[in-house]
Amino acid sequence: TSGGSTKYADSVKGRTSISRDTAKNQFTLQLSAVTP
């Protein structure tokens, strides 16, 4: 949300992180321990 609250799907919870870079106006997703 605009306030910074996050919500993750159960399938990726614990291995996912999202962030916003206001200077670059970018929205980033990081996902670890990926599977097929």
ModelCIF file with pLDDT and N, C-alpha, C, O atoms, coordinates in Angstrom:
data_MODEL
#
_entry.id   MODEL 
#
_entity.id                         1 
_entity.type                       polymer 
_entity.pdbx_number_of_molecules   1 
#
_entity_poly.entity_id                      1 
_entity_poly.type                           'polypeptide(L)' 
_entity_poly.nstd_linkage                   no 
_entity_poly.nstd_monomer                   no 
_entity_poly.pdbx_seq_one_letter_code       TSGGSTKYADSVKGRTSISRDTAKNQFTLQLSAVTP 
_entity_poly.pdbx_seq_one_letter_code_can   TSGGSTKYADSVKGRTSISRDTAKNQFTLQLSAVTP 
_entity_poly.pdbx_strand_id                 A 
#
loop_
_entity_poly_seq.entity_id 
_entity_poly_seq.num 
_entity_poly_seq.mon_id 
_entity_poly_seq.hetero 
1 1  THR n 
1 2  SER n 
1 3  GLY n 
1 4  GLY n 
1 5  SER n 
1 6  THR n 
1 7  LYS n 
1 8  TYR n 
1 9  ALA n 
1 10 ASP n 
1 11 SER n 
1 12 VAL n 
1 13 LYS n 
1 14 GLY n 
1 15 ARG n 
1 16 THR n 
1 17 SER n 
1 18 ILE n 
1 19 SER n 
1 20 ARG n 
1 21 ASP n 
1 22 THR n 
1 23 ALA n 
1 24 LYS n 
1 25 ASN n 
1 26 GLN n 
1 27 PHE n 
1 28 THR n 
1 29 LEU n 
1 30 GLN n 
1 31 LEU n 
1 32 SER n 
1 33 ALA n 
1 34 VAL n 
1 35 THR n 
1 36 PRO n 
#
_struct_asym.id          A 
_struct_asym.entity_id   1 
#
loop_
_ma_qa_metric.id 
_ma_qa_metric.mode 
_ma_qa_metric.name 
_ma_qa_metric.software_group_id 
_ma_qa_metric.type 
1 global pLDDT . pLDDT 
2 local  pLDDT . pLDDT 
#
_ma_qa_metric_global.metric_id      1 
_ma_qa_metric_global.metric_value   95.97 
_ma_qa_metric_global.model_id       1 
_ma_qa_metric_global.ordinal_id     1 
#
loop_
_ma_qa_metric_local.label_asym_id 
_ma_qa_metric_local.label_comp_id 
_ma_qa_metric_local.label_seq_id 
_ma_qa_metric_local.metric_id 
_ma_qa_metric_local.metric_value 
_ma_qa_metric_local.model_id 
_ma_qa_metric_local.ordinal_id 
A THR 1  2 95.00 1 1  
A SER 2  2 94.00 1 2  
A GLY 3  2 94.00 1 3  
A GLY 4  2 94.00 1 4  
A SER 5  2 95.00 1 5  
A THR 6  2 96.00 1 6  
A LYS 7  2 95.00 1 7  
A TYR 8  2 96.00 1 8  
A ALA 9  2 95.00 1 9  
A ASP 10 2 95.00 1 10 
A SER 11 2 93.00 1 11 
A VAL 12 2 95.00 1 12 
A LYS 13 2 93.00 1 13 
A GLY 14 2 95.00 1 14 
A ARG 15 2 97.00 1 15 
A THR 16 2 97.00 1 16 
A SER 17 2 97.00 1 17 
A ILE 18 2 97.00 1 18 
A SER 19 2 96.00 1 19 
A ARG 20 2 96.00 1 20 
A ASP 21 2 96.00 1 21 
A THR 22 2 94.00 1 22 
A ALA 23 2 95.00 1 23 
A LYS 24 2 96.00 1 24 
A ASN 25 2 97.00 1 25 
A GLN 26 2 97.00 1 26 
A PHE 27 2 96.00 1 27 
A THR 28 2 98.00 1 28 
A LEU 29 2 98.00 1 29 
A GLN 30 2 98.00 1 30 
A LEU 31 2 97.00 1 31 
A SER 32 2 98.00 1 32 
A ALA 33 2 98.00 1 33 
A VAL 34 2 98.00 1 34 
A THR 35 2 97.00 1 35 
A PRO 36 2 97.00 1 36 
#
loop_
_atom_site.group_PDB 
_atom_site.id 
_atom_site.type_symbol 
_atom_site.label_atom_id 
_atom_site.label_alt_id 
_atom_site.label_comp_id 
_atom_site.label_asym_id 
_atom_site.label_entity_id 
_atom_site.label_seq_id 
_atom_site.pdbx_PDB_ins_code 
_atom_site.Cartn_x 
_atom_site.Cartn_y 
_atom_site.Cartn_z 
_atom_site.occupancy 
_atom_site.B_iso_or_equiv 
_atom_site.pdbx_formal_charge 
_atom_site.auth_seq_id 
_atom_site.auth_comp_id 
_atom_site.auth_asym_id 
_atom_site.auth_atom_id 
_atom_site.pdbx_PDB_model_num 
ATOM 1   N N  . THR A 1 1  ? 0.834  -1.189  0.000   1.00 95.00 ? 1  THR A N  1 
ATOM 2   C CA . THR A 1 1  ? 0.000  0.000   0.000   1.00 95.00 ? 1  THR A CA 1 
ATOM 3   C C  . THR A 1 1  ? 0.870  1.241   0.000   1.00 95.00 ? 1  THR A C  1 
ATOM 4   O O  . THR A 1 1  ? 2.091  1.161   0.135   1.00 95.00 ? 1  THR A O  1 
ATOM 5   N N  . SER A 1 2  ? 0.229  2.388   -0.153  1.00 94.00 ? 2  SER A N  1 
ATOM 6   C CA . SER A 1 2  ? 0.972  3.639   -0.125  1.00 94.00 ? 2  SER A CA 1 
ATOM 7   C C  . SER A 1 2  ? 1.638  3.858   1.228   1.00 94.00 ? 2  SER A C  1 
ATOM 8   O O  . SER A 1 2  ? 2.660  4.540   1.317   1.00 94.00 ? 2  SER A O  1 
ATOM 9   N N  . GLY A 1 3  ? 1.062  3.282   2.278   1.00 94.00 ? 3  GLY A N  1 
ATOM 10  C CA . GLY A 1 3  ? 1.623  3.404   3.610   1.00 94.00 ? 3  GLY A CA 1 
ATOM 11  C C  . GLY A 1 3  ? 2.742  2.422   3.904   1.00 94.00 ? 3  GLY A C  1 
ATOM 12  O O  . GLY A 1 3  ? 3.360  2.482   4.967   1.00 94.00 ? 3  GLY A O  1 
ATOM 13  N N  . GLY A 1 4  ? 3.005  1.519   2.972   1.00 94.00 ? 4  GLY A N  1 
ATOM 14  C CA . GLY A 1 4  ? 4.096  0.578   3.136   1.00 94.00 ? 4  GLY A CA 1 
ATOM 15  C C  . GLY A 1 4  ? 3.711  -0.788  3.664   1.00 94.00 ? 4  GLY A C  1 
ATOM 16  O O  . GLY A 1 4  ? 4.578  -1.640  3.859   1.00 94.00 ? 4  GLY A O  1 
ATOM 17  N N  . SER A 1 5  ? 2.428  -1.016  3.899   1.00 95.00 ? 5  SER A N  1 
ATOM 18  C CA . SER A 1 5  ? 1.993  -2.333  4.339   1.00 95.00 ? 5  SER A CA 1 
ATOM 19  C C  . SER A 1 5  ? 2.100  -3.318  3.192   1.00 95.00 ? 5  SER A C  1 
ATOM 20  O O  . SER A 1 5  ? 1.749  -2.999  2.056   1.00 95.00 ? 5  SER A O  1 
ATOM 21  N N  . THR A 1 6  ? 2.582  -4.509  3.485   1.00 96.00 ? 6  THR A N  1 
ATOM 22  C CA . THR A 1 6  ? 2.791  -5.515  2.451   1.00 96.00 ? 6  THR A CA 1 
ATOM 23  C C  . THR A 1 6  ? 1.958  -6.755  2.699   1.00 96.00 ? 6  THR A C  1 
ATOM 24  O O  . THR A 1 6  ? 1.567  -7.047  3.829   1.00 96.00 ? 6  THR A O  1 
ATOM 25  N N  . LYS A 1 7  ? 1.697  -7.468  1.638   1.00 95.00 ? 7  LYS A N  1 
ATOM 26  C CA . LYS A 1 7  ? 0.958  -8.713  1.684   1.00 95.00 ? 7  LYS A CA 1 
ATOM 27  C C  . LYS A 1 7  ? 1.580  -9.654  0.670   1.00 95.00 ? 7  LYS A C  1 
ATOM 28  O O  . LYS A 1 7  ? 1.851  -9.264  -0.466  1.00 95.00 ? 7  LYS A O  1 
ATOM 29  N N  . TYR A 1 8  ? 1.807  -10.900 1.082   1.00 96.00 ? 8  TYR A N  1 
ATOM 30  C CA . TYR A 1 8  ? 2.446  -11.880 0.219   1.00 96.00 ? 8  TYR A CA 1 
ATOM 31  C C  . TYR A 1 8  ? 1.572  -13.107 0.064   1.00 96.00 ? 8  TYR A C  1 
ATOM 32  O O  . TYR A 1 8  ? 0.872  -13.509 0.994   1.00 96.00 ? 8  TYR A O  1 
ATOM 33  N N  . ALA A 1 9  ? 1.620  -13.691 -1.106  1.00 95.00 ? 9  ALA A N  1 
ATOM 34  C CA . ALA A 1 9  ? 0.897  -14.930 -1.339  1.00 95.00 ? 9  ALA A CA 1 
ATOM 35  C C  . ALA A 1 9  ? 1.527  -16.054 -0.523  1.00 95.00 ? 9  ALA A C  1 
ATOM 36  O O  . ALA A 1 9  ? 2.735  -16.058 -0.283  1.00 95.00 ? 9  ALA A O  1 
ATOM 37  N N  . ASP A 1 10 ? 0.699  -17.007 -0.100  1.00 95.00 ? 10 ASP A N  1 
ATOM 38  C CA . ASP A 1 10 ? 1.208  -18.122 0.690   1.00 95.00 ? 10 ASP A CA 1 
ATOM 39  C C  . ASP A 1 10 ? 2.305  -18.891 -0.042  1.00 95.00 ? 10 ASP A C  1 
ATOM 40  O O  . ASP A 1 10 ? 3.232  -19.407 0.583   1.00 95.00 ? 10 ASP A O  1 
ATOM 41  N N  . SER A 1 11 ? 2.198  -18.963 -1.346  1.00 93.00 ? 11 SER A N  1 
ATOM 42  C CA . SER A 1 11 ? 3.148  -19.730 -2.132  1.00 93.00 ? 11 SER A CA 1 
ATOM 43  C C  . SER A 1 11 ? 4.552  -19.140 -2.143  1.00 93.00 ? 11 SER A C  1 
ATOM 44  O O  . SER A 1 11 ? 5.519  -19.837 -2.449  1.00 93.00 ? 11 SER A O  1 
ATOM 45  N N  . VAL A 1 12 ? 4.665  -17.863 -1.810  1.00 95.00 ? 12 VAL A N  1 
ATOM 46  C CA . VAL A 1 12 ? 5.967  -17.208 -1.836  1.00 95.00 ? 12 VAL A CA 1 
ATOM 47  C C  . VAL A 1 12 ? 6.337  -16.591 -0.503  1.00 95.00 ? 12 VAL A C  1 
ATOM 48  O O  . VAL A 1 12 ? 7.430  -16.043 -0.361  1.00 95.00 ? 12 VAL A O  1 
ATOM 49  N N  . LYS A 1 13 ? 5.461  -16.667 0.466   1.00 93.00 ? 13 LYS A N  1 
ATOM 50  C CA . LYS A 1 13 ? 5.717  -16.066 1.767   1.00 93.00 ? 13 LYS A CA 1 
ATOM 51  C C  . LYS A 1 13 ? 6.977  -16.656 2.395   1.00 93.00 ? 13 LYS A C  1 
ATOM 52  O O  . LYS A 1 13 ? 7.171  -17.871 2.415   1.00 93.00 ? 13 LYS A O  1 
ATOM 53  N N  . GLY A 1 14 ? 7.819  -15.775 2.900   1.00 95.00 ? 14 GLY A N  1 
ATOM 54  C CA . GLY A 1 14 ? 9.059  -16.204 3.519   1.00 95.00 ? 14 GLY A CA 1 
ATOM 55  C C  . GLY A 1 14 ? 10.248 -16.179 2.592   1.00 95.00 ? 14 GLY A C  1 
ATOM 56  O O  . GLY A 1 14 ? 11.389 -16.265 3.048   1.00 95.00 ? 14 GLY A O  1 
ATOM 57  N N  . ARG A 1 15 ? 10.011 -16.065 1.313   1.00 97.00 ? 15 ARG A N  1 
ATOM 58  C CA . ARG A 1 15 ? 11.102 -16.027 0.349   1.00 97.00 ? 15 ARG A CA 1 
ATOM 59  C C  . ARG A 1 15 ? 10.916 -14.909 -0.669  1.00 97.00 ? 15 ARG A C  1 
ATOM 60  O O  . ARG A 1 15 ? 11.548 -14.904 -1.725  1.00 97.00 ? 15 ARG A O  1 
ATOM 61  N N  . THR A 1 16 ? 10.055 -13.976 -0.343  1.00 97.00 ? 16 THR A N  1 
ATOM 62  C CA . THR A 1 16 ? 9.757  -12.873 -1.247  1.00 97.00 ? 16 THR A CA 1 
ATOM 63  C C  . THR A 1 16 ? 9.881  -11.545 -0.521  1.00 97.00 ? 16 THR A C  1 
ATOM 64  O O  . THR A 1 16 ? 9.535  -11.430 0.655   1.00 97.00 ? 16 THR A O  1 
ATOM 65  N N  . SER A 1 17 ? 10.368 -10.566 -1.220  1.00 97.00 ? 17 SER A N  1 
ATOM 66  C CA . SER A 1 17 ? 10.464 -9.222  -0.680  1.00 97.00 ? 17 SER A CA 1 
ATOM 67  C C  . SER A 1 17 ? 10.155 -8.219  -1.785  1.00 97.00 ? 17 SER A C  1 
ATOM 68  O O  . SER A 1 17 ? 10.639 -8.356  -2.909  1.00 97.00 ? 17 SER A O  1 
ATOM 69  N N  . ILE A 1 18 ? 9.358  -7.224  -1.467  1.00 97.00 ? 18 ILE A N  1 
ATOM 70  C CA . ILE A 1 18 ? 9.075  -6.158  -2.413  1.00 97.00 ? 18 ILE A CA 1 
ATOM 71  C C  . ILE A 1 18 ? 9.501  -4.830  -1.801  1.00 97.00 ? 18 ILE A C  1 
ATOM 72  O O  . ILE A 1 18 ? 9.486  -4.656  -0.582  1.00 97.00 ? 18 ILE A O  1 
ATOM 73  N N  . SER A 1 19 ? 9.874  -3.913  -2.655  1.00 96.00 ? 19 SER A N  1 
ATOM 74  C CA . SER A 1 19 ? 10.321 -2.621  -2.180  1.00 96.00 ? 19 SER A CA 1 
ATOM 75  C C  . SER A 1 19 ? 10.048 -1.559  -3.228  1.00 96.00 ? 19 SER A C  1 
ATOM 76  O O  . SER A 1 19 ? 9.854  -1.858  -4.406  1.00 96.00 ? 19 SER A O  1 
ATOM 77  N N  . ARG A 1 20 ? 10.037 -0.327  -2.781  1.00 96.00 ? 20 ARG A N  1 
ATOM 78  C CA . ARG A 1 20 ? 9.838  0.804   -3.671  1.00 96.00 ? 20 ARG A CA 1 
ATOM 79  C C  . ARG A 1 20 ? 11.014 1.758   -3.548  1.00 96.00 ? 20 ARG A C  1 
ATOM 80  O O  . ARG A 1 20 ? 11.448 2.085   -2.443  1.00 96.00 ? 20 ARG A O  1 
ATOM 81  N N  . ASP A 1 21 ? 11.516 2.193   -4.668  1.00 96.00 ? 21 ASP A N  1 
ATOM 82  C CA . ASP A 1 21 ? 12.594 3.168   -4.725  1.00 96.00 ? 21 ASP A CA 1 
ATOM 83  C C  . ASP A 1 21 ? 11.996 4.460   -5.249  1.00 96.00 ? 21 ASP A C  1 
ATOM 84  O O  . ASP A 1 21 ? 11.787 4.604   -6.454  1.00 96.00 ? 21 ASP A O  1 
ATOM 85  N N  . THR A 1 22 ? 11.720 5.393   -4.364  1.00 94.00 ? 22 THR A N  1 
ATOM 86  C CA . THR A 1 22 ? 11.063 6.631   -4.776  1.00 94.00 ? 22 THR A CA 1 
ATOM 87  C C  . THR A 1 22 ? 11.946 7.495   -5.665  1.00 94.00 ? 22 THR A C  1 
ATOM 88  O O  . THR A 1 22 ? 11.446 8.185   -6.553  1.00 94.00 ? 22 THR A O  1 
ATOM 89  N N  . ALA A 1 23 ? 13.253 7.462   -5.435  1.00 95.00 ? 23 ALA A N  1 
ATOM 90  C CA . ALA A 1 23 ? 14.170 8.258   -6.246  1.00 95.00 ? 23 ALA A CA 1 
ATOM 91  C C  . ALA A 1 23 ? 14.145 7.810   -7.698  1.00 95.00 ? 23 ALA A C  1 
ATOM 92  O O  . ALA A 1 23 ? 14.158 8.636   -8.611  1.00 95.00 ? 23 ALA A O  1 
ATOM 93  N N  . LYS A 1 24 ? 14.109 6.501   -7.908  1.00 96.00 ? 24 LYS A N  1 
ATOM 94  C CA . LYS A 1 24 ? 14.079 5.948   -9.258  1.00 96.00 ? 24 LYS A CA 1 
ATOM 95  C C  . LYS A 1 24 ? 12.665 5.667   -9.737  1.00 96.00 ? 24 LYS A C  1 
ATOM 96  O O  . LYS A 1 24 ? 12.453 5.318   -10.898 1.00 96.00 ? 24 LYS A O  1 
ATOM 97  N N  . ASN A 1 25 ? 11.700 5.820   -8.840  1.00 97.00 ? 25 ASN A N  1 
ATOM 98  C CA . ASN A 1 25 ? 10.306 5.518   -9.142  1.00 97.00 ? 25 ASN A CA 1 
ATOM 99  C C  . ASN A 1 25 ? 10.173 4.090   -9.674  1.00 97.00 ? 25 ASN A C  1 
ATOM 100 O O  . ASN A 1 25 ? 9.560  3.848   -10.713 1.00 97.00 ? 25 ASN A O  1 
ATOM 101 N N  . GLN A 1 26 ? 10.761 3.162   -8.935  1.00 97.00 ? 26 GLN A N  1 
ATOM 102 C CA . GLN A 1 26 ? 10.738 1.766   -9.314  1.00 97.00 ? 26 GLN A CA 1 
ATOM 103 C C  . GLN A 1 26 ? 10.138 0.908   -8.219  1.00 97.00 ? 26 GLN A C  1 
ATOM 104 O O  . GLN A 1 26 ? 10.184 1.256   -7.038  1.00 97.00 ? 26 GLN A O  1 
ATOM 105 N N  . PHE A 1 27 ? 9.588  -0.190  -8.619  1.00 96.00 ? 27 PHE A N  1 
ATOM 106 C CA . PHE A 1 27 ? 8.962  -1.167  -7.739  1.00 96.00 ? 27 PHE A CA 1 
ATOM 107 C C  . PHE A 1 27 ? 9.650  -2.500  -8.006  1.00 96.00 ? 27 PHE A C  1 
ATOM 108 O O  . PHE A 1 27 ? 9.680  -2.972  -9.142  1.00 96.00 ? 27 PHE A O  1 
ATOM 109 N N  . THR A 1 28 ? 10.197 -3.100  -6.966  1.00 98.00 ? 28 THR A N  1 
ATOM 110 C CA . THR A 1 28 ? 11.060 -4.261  -7.142  1.00 98.00 ? 28 THR A CA 1 
ATOM 111 C C  . THR A 1 28 ? 10.530 -5.486  -6.413  1.00 98.00 ? 28 THR A C  1 
ATOM 112 O O  . THR A 1 28 ? 9.995  -5.393  -5.309  1.00 98.00 ? 28 THR A O  1 
ATOM 113 N N  . LEU A 1 29 ? 10.689 -6.622  -7.049  1.00 98.00 ? 29 LEU A N  1 
ATOM 114 C CA . LEU A 1 29 ? 10.349 -7.916  -6.461  1.00 98.00 ? 29 LEU A CA 1 
ATOM 115 C C  . LEU A 1 29 ? 11.601 -8.776  -6.399  1.00 98.00 ? 29 LEU A C  1 
ATOM 116 O O  . LEU A 1 29 ? 12.302 -8.933  -7.400  1.00 98.00 ? 29 LEU A O  1 
ATOM 117 N N  . GLN A 1 30 ? 11.881 -9.328  -5.237  1.00 98.00 ? 30 GLN A N  1 
ATOM 118 C CA . GLN A 1 30 ? 12.956 -10.290 -5.079  1.00 98.00 ? 30 GLN A CA 1 
ATOM 119 C C  . GLN A 1 30 ? 12.374 -11.605 -4.600  1.00 98.00 ? 30 GLN A C  1 
ATOM 120 O O  . GLN A 1 30 ? 11.583 -11.645 -3.657  1.00 98.00 ? 30 GLN A O  1 
ATOM 121 N N  . LEU A 1 31 ? 12.770 -12.669 -5.255  1.00 97.00 ? 31 LEU A N  1 
ATOM 122 C CA . LEU A 1 31 ? 12.262 -13.992 -4.938  1.00 97.00 ? 31 LEU A CA 1 
ATOM 123 C C  . LEU A 1 31 ? 13.435 -14.953 -4.837  1.00 97.00 ? 31 LEU A C  1 
ATOM 124 O O  . LEU A 1 31 ? 14.234 -15.062 -5.767  1.00 97.00 ? 31 LEU A O  1 
ATOM 125 N N  . SER A 1 32 ? 13.539 -15.637 -3.730  1.00 98.00 ? 32 SER A N  1 
ATOM 126 C CA . SER A 1 32 ? 14.629 -16.565 -3.504  1.00 98.00 ? 32 SER A CA 1 
ATOM 127 C C  . SER A 1 32 ? 14.109 -18.002 -3.439  1.00 98.00 ? 32 SER A C  1 
ATOM 128 O O  . SER A 1 32 ? 12.904 -18.250 -3.404  1.00 98.00 ? 32 SER A O  1 
ATOM 129 N N  . ALA A 1 33 ? 15.061 -18.939 -3.425  1.00 98.00 ? 33 ALA A N  1 
ATOM 130 C CA . ALA A 1 33 ? 14.737 -20.367 -3.347  1.00 98.00 ? 33 ALA A CA 1 
ATOM 131 C C  . ALA A 1 33 ? 13.657 -20.755 -4.356  1.00 98.00 ? 33 ALA A C  1 
ATOM 132 O O  . ALA A 1 33 ? 12.667 -21.400 -4.011  1.00 98.00 ? 33 ALA A O  1 
ATOM 133 N N  . VAL A 1 34 ? 13.863 -20.357 -5.582  1.00 98.00 ? 34 VAL A N  1 
ATOM 134 C CA . VAL A 1 34 ? 12.851 -20.583 -6.612  1.00 98.00 ? 34 VAL A CA 1 
ATOM 135 C C  . VAL A 1 34 ? 12.777 -22.057 -6.991  1.00 98.00 ? 34 VAL A C  1 
ATOM 136 O O  . VAL A 1 34 ? 13.756 -22.795 -6.884  1.00 98.00 ? 34 VAL A O  1 
ATOM 137 N N  . THR A 1 35 ? 11.608 -22.460 -7.428  1.00 97.00 ? 35 THR A N  1 
ATOM 138 C CA . THR A 1 35 ? 11.345 -23.802 -7.911  1.00 97.00 ? 35 THR A CA 1 
ATOM 139 C C  . THR A 1 35 ? 10.707 -23.701 -9.285  1.00 97.00 ? 35 THR A C  1 
ATOM 140 O O  . THR A 1 35 ? 10.298 -22.615 -9.695  1.00 97.00 ? 35 THR A O  1 
ATOM 141 N N  . PRO A 1 36 ? 10.615 -24.820 -10.008 1.00 97.00 ? 36 PRO A N  1 
ATOM 142 C CA . PRO A 1 36 ? 9.964  -24.770 -11.320 1.00 97.00 ? 36 PRO A CA 1 
ATOM 143 C C  . PRO A 1 36 ? 8.535  -24.233 -11.274 1.00 97.00 ? 36 PRO A C  1 
ATOM 144 O O  . PRO A 1 36 ? 7.877  -24.140 -12.310 1.00 97.00 ? 36 PRO A O  1 
#
